[in-house]
Structure formats: structure tokens, C-alpha cells
N, C-alpha and C. Protein backbone atom coordinates (compact mmCIF):
# COMPACT_ATOMS: atom_id res chain seq x y z
N MET A 1 69.31 96.68 -41.84
CA MET A 1 68.92 95.69 -40.85
C MET A 1 70.01 94.61 -40.80
N ARG A 2 70.37 94.23 -39.64
CA ARG A 2 71.34 93.15 -39.45
C ARG A 2 70.72 92.07 -38.58
N LYS A 3 71.18 90.86 -38.83
CA LYS A 3 70.70 89.72 -38.04
C LYS A 3 71.88 88.82 -37.73
N HIS A 4 72.01 88.46 -36.49
CA HIS A 4 73.07 87.54 -36.09
C HIS A 4 72.55 86.13 -36.32
N THR A 5 73.37 85.30 -36.99
CA THR A 5 72.96 83.94 -37.26
C THR A 5 74.18 83.02 -37.25
N THR A 6 73.93 81.75 -37.23
CA THR A 6 74.99 80.76 -37.26
C THR A 6 74.86 79.97 -38.56
N ILE A 7 75.97 79.90 -39.33
CA ILE A 7 75.96 79.14 -40.57
C ILE A 7 77.25 78.36 -40.70
N ASP A 8 77.22 77.28 -41.49
CA ASP A 8 78.43 76.52 -41.80
C ASP A 8 79.06 77.19 -43.02
N VAL A 9 80.35 77.50 -42.90
CA VAL A 9 81.04 78.22 -43.96
C VAL A 9 82.32 77.48 -44.34
N ASP A 10 82.58 77.40 -45.63
CA ASP A 10 83.83 76.83 -46.13
C ASP A 10 84.93 77.86 -45.89
N MET A 11 85.78 77.62 -44.90
CA MET A 11 86.79 78.61 -44.50
C MET A 11 87.85 78.83 -45.58
N ASP A 12 88.15 77.79 -46.36
CA ASP A 12 89.09 77.99 -47.46
C ASP A 12 88.51 78.98 -48.47
N LEU A 13 87.23 78.85 -48.75
CA LEU A 13 86.56 79.76 -49.68
C LEU A 13 86.49 81.17 -49.11
N VAL A 14 86.26 81.29 -47.81
CA VAL A 14 86.23 82.61 -47.16
C VAL A 14 87.60 83.27 -47.24
N ARG A 15 88.67 82.50 -46.98
CA ARG A 15 90.02 83.06 -47.07
C ARG A 15 90.35 83.49 -48.50
N GLU A 16 89.98 82.67 -49.47
CA GLU A 16 90.24 83.01 -50.87
C GLU A 16 89.45 84.26 -51.28
N ALA A 17 88.20 84.32 -50.86
CA ALA A 17 87.37 85.50 -51.16
C ALA A 17 87.95 86.73 -50.46
N GLY A 18 88.40 86.57 -49.24
CA GLY A 18 89.00 87.69 -48.50
C GLY A 18 90.23 88.22 -49.21
N ASP A 19 91.05 87.32 -49.74
CA ASP A 19 92.23 87.74 -50.50
C ASP A 19 91.80 88.52 -51.74
N ALA A 20 90.80 88.02 -52.44
CA ALA A 20 90.34 88.67 -53.67
C ALA A 20 89.69 90.01 -53.39
N LEU A 21 88.99 90.11 -52.26
CA LEU A 21 88.25 91.33 -51.93
C LEU A 21 89.05 92.30 -51.06
N GLY A 22 90.17 91.84 -50.54
CA GLY A 22 90.99 92.70 -49.69
C GLY A 22 90.42 92.89 -48.29
N THR A 23 89.73 91.86 -47.79
CA THR A 23 89.14 91.93 -46.45
C THR A 23 89.87 90.97 -45.53
N LYS A 24 89.79 91.24 -44.24
CA LYS A 24 90.47 90.40 -43.25
C LYS A 24 89.49 89.56 -42.43
N ARG A 25 88.42 90.20 -41.97
CA ARG A 25 87.46 89.51 -41.10
C ARG A 25 86.41 88.78 -41.93
N MET A 26 85.92 87.65 -41.40
CA MET A 26 84.92 86.86 -42.10
C MET A 26 83.67 87.67 -42.39
N THR A 27 83.19 88.43 -41.42
CA THR A 27 81.98 89.23 -41.62
C THR A 27 82.18 90.23 -42.74
N ASP A 28 83.34 90.89 -42.77
CA ASP A 28 83.63 91.86 -43.83
C ASP A 28 83.68 91.18 -45.19
N THR A 29 84.27 90.00 -45.23
CA THR A 29 84.38 89.25 -46.48
C THR A 29 83.01 88.85 -47.00
N ILE A 30 82.16 88.35 -46.12
CA ILE A 30 80.83 87.94 -46.54
C ILE A 30 80.01 89.14 -47.01
N HIS A 31 80.08 90.24 -46.28
CA HIS A 31 79.35 91.45 -46.70
C HIS A 31 79.87 91.96 -48.05
N ALA A 32 81.18 91.97 -48.23
CA ALA A 32 81.76 92.45 -49.48
C ALA A 32 81.36 91.53 -50.65
N ALA A 33 81.35 90.23 -50.40
CA ALA A 33 80.97 89.28 -51.44
C ALA A 33 79.50 89.45 -51.82
N LEU A 34 78.64 89.60 -50.84
CA LEU A 34 77.22 89.82 -51.12
C LEU A 34 77.00 91.12 -51.87
N ASP A 35 77.71 92.16 -51.46
CA ASP A 35 77.61 93.44 -52.14
C ASP A 35 78.05 93.32 -53.60
N ASP A 36 79.14 92.59 -53.83
CA ASP A 36 79.64 92.39 -55.18
C ASP A 36 78.61 91.66 -56.05
N VAL A 37 77.98 90.64 -55.52
CA VAL A 37 76.97 89.89 -56.27
C VAL A 37 75.80 90.80 -56.64
N VAL A 38 75.32 91.57 -55.68
CA VAL A 38 74.18 92.45 -55.93
C VAL A 38 74.53 93.51 -56.97
N ARG A 39 75.71 94.11 -56.87
CA ARG A 39 76.14 95.12 -57.86
C ARG A 39 76.27 94.53 -59.26
N ARG A 40 76.83 93.33 -59.35
CA ARG A 40 76.96 92.67 -60.65
C ARG A 40 75.59 92.42 -61.28
N ARG A 41 74.65 91.96 -60.49
CA ARG A 41 73.29 91.69 -61.01
C ARG A 41 72.63 92.98 -61.48
N ARG A 42 72.82 94.05 -60.74
CA ARG A 42 72.23 95.33 -61.15
C ARG A 42 72.84 95.82 -62.46
N ARG A 43 74.17 95.66 -62.60
CA ARG A 43 74.81 96.07 -63.86
C ARG A 43 74.33 95.21 -65.02
N MET A 44 74.17 93.91 -64.79
CA MET A 44 73.68 93.04 -65.84
C MET A 44 72.25 93.40 -66.25
N ALA A 45 71.45 93.84 -65.29
CA ALA A 45 70.07 94.24 -65.59
C ALA A 45 70.07 95.46 -66.51
N LEU A 46 71.09 96.31 -66.43
CA LEU A 46 71.16 97.47 -67.32
C LEU A 46 71.31 97.06 -68.78
N LEU A 47 71.91 95.90 -69.03
CA LEU A 47 72.06 95.44 -70.40
C LEU A 47 70.71 95.12 -71.04
N ASP A 48 69.72 94.81 -70.22
CA ASP A 48 68.37 94.52 -70.72
C ASP A 48 67.55 95.78 -70.91
N PHE A 49 68.07 96.92 -70.48
CA PHE A 49 67.33 98.18 -70.56
C PHE A 49 67.21 98.59 -72.02
N ARG A 50 65.99 98.91 -72.43
CA ARG A 50 65.75 99.39 -73.79
C ARG A 50 65.13 100.78 -73.71
N PRO A 51 65.84 101.81 -74.19
CA PRO A 51 65.29 103.15 -74.12
C PRO A 51 64.02 103.29 -74.96
N ALA A 52 63.20 104.26 -74.62
CA ALA A 52 61.93 104.46 -75.30
C ALA A 52 62.10 105.20 -76.62
N ILE A 53 63.31 105.69 -76.92
CA ILE A 53 63.54 106.40 -78.17
C ILE A 53 64.59 105.66 -78.99
N ASP A 54 64.62 105.94 -80.29
CA ASP A 54 65.65 105.37 -81.15
C ASP A 54 66.25 106.47 -82.01
N LEU A 55 67.18 106.11 -82.88
CA LEU A 55 67.87 107.11 -83.69
C LEU A 55 66.92 107.89 -84.59
N GLY A 56 65.83 107.27 -85.01
CA GLY A 56 64.85 107.96 -85.83
C GLY A 56 64.22 109.14 -85.10
N ASP A 57 64.10 109.03 -83.80
CA ASP A 57 63.53 110.13 -83.01
C ASP A 57 64.49 111.33 -82.93
N LEU A 58 65.77 111.09 -83.20
CA LEU A 58 66.74 112.19 -83.12
C LEU A 58 66.44 113.27 -84.14
N ASP A 59 65.95 112.87 -85.33
CA ASP A 59 65.63 113.87 -86.35
C ASP A 59 64.64 114.89 -85.81
N ALA A 60 63.60 114.40 -85.19
CA ALA A 60 62.58 115.30 -84.66
C ALA A 60 63.14 116.15 -83.52
N MET A 61 63.99 115.56 -82.69
CA MET A 61 64.54 116.31 -81.57
C MET A 61 65.54 117.37 -82.02
N ARG A 62 66.24 117.10 -83.12
CA ARG A 62 67.25 118.04 -83.60
C ARG A 62 66.64 119.17 -84.42
N ALA A 63 65.46 118.94 -84.98
CA ALA A 63 64.84 119.94 -85.84
C ALA A 63 64.50 121.19 -85.02
N HIS A 64 64.75 122.31 -85.61
CA HIS A 64 64.39 123.57 -84.97
C HIS A 64 62.88 123.70 -84.97
N ARG A 65 62.32 124.27 -83.95
CA ARG A 65 60.86 124.36 -83.84
C ARG A 65 60.22 125.07 -85.02
N PHE A 66 60.93 125.99 -85.63
CA PHE A 66 60.35 126.79 -86.70
C PHE A 66 60.85 126.38 -88.08
N ALA A 67 61.61 125.28 -88.17
CA ALA A 67 62.16 124.84 -89.45
C ALA A 67 61.05 124.29 -90.34
N GLU A 68 61.26 124.38 -91.64
CA GLU A 68 60.29 123.86 -92.60
C GLU A 68 60.29 122.34 -92.64
N SER A 69 61.47 121.73 -92.42
CA SER A 69 61.57 120.26 -92.45
C SER A 69 62.49 119.81 -91.31
N GLU A 70 62.40 118.51 -91.01
CA GLU A 70 63.22 117.95 -89.94
C GLU A 70 64.67 117.88 -90.37
N ALA A 71 65.59 118.02 -89.43
CA ALA A 71 67.02 117.87 -89.70
C ALA A 71 67.31 116.39 -89.89
N PRO A 72 67.96 115.98 -91.01
CA PRO A 72 68.22 114.55 -91.24
C PRO A 72 69.30 114.05 -90.29
N TYR A 73 69.21 112.81 -89.93
CA TYR A 73 70.22 112.18 -89.09
C TYR A 73 71.37 111.73 -89.98
N GLU A 74 72.57 112.19 -89.69
CA GLU A 74 73.74 111.79 -90.44
C GLU A 74 74.81 111.35 -89.43
N PRO A 75 75.11 110.05 -89.37
CA PRO A 75 76.14 109.60 -88.43
C PRO A 75 77.50 110.17 -88.79
N ASP A 76 78.33 110.35 -87.79
CA ASP A 76 79.68 110.87 -88.01
C ASP A 76 80.51 109.83 -88.76
N PRO A 77 81.20 110.22 -89.86
CA PRO A 77 82.06 109.26 -90.56
C PRO A 77 83.28 108.94 -89.70
N GLU A 78 83.68 107.71 -89.74
CA GLU A 78 84.85 107.28 -88.95
C GLU A 78 86.06 107.09 -89.79
């Protein structure tokens, strides 16, 4: 969805953003800047993601279905 509107814009800031983003037209610069902000926020939200499993669950996942005991987790030596 697009909407045509009138806003007051700092043209020096638009030019500087255009240089940083590689855009020429004001509309392209504003769209690219908004897209950049949204993408950054989404990436930052991934840092808060906590998976439902942990390393302790790996033992159970690695164990063979017919094994007598679970396979122990041993991290790779560095």
C-alpha cells in the first residue's frame, strides 16, 4: 500500500542518507532508509530468540533408538 503525503524533510539529511544508501531520488532514499530500519529491528529481535532445546537435549537426540544408554555429549576440543 502506498500513500501520497506532504512532509517537512531535512534535505541535508536526505542527501547524506542517499549517499550512504546509494539512492538518487528522495522517495527511493526514504524507502531504503525505512527498509533498513525495519530489517535492523528484525535482526535485533533474533538476538532475543531462545530455542526450546538446549545442549542437554542433544544426548537424547543423538542416542540410537535401540541403544541401551544415551550417547554422552562431548564438545569438540579446540
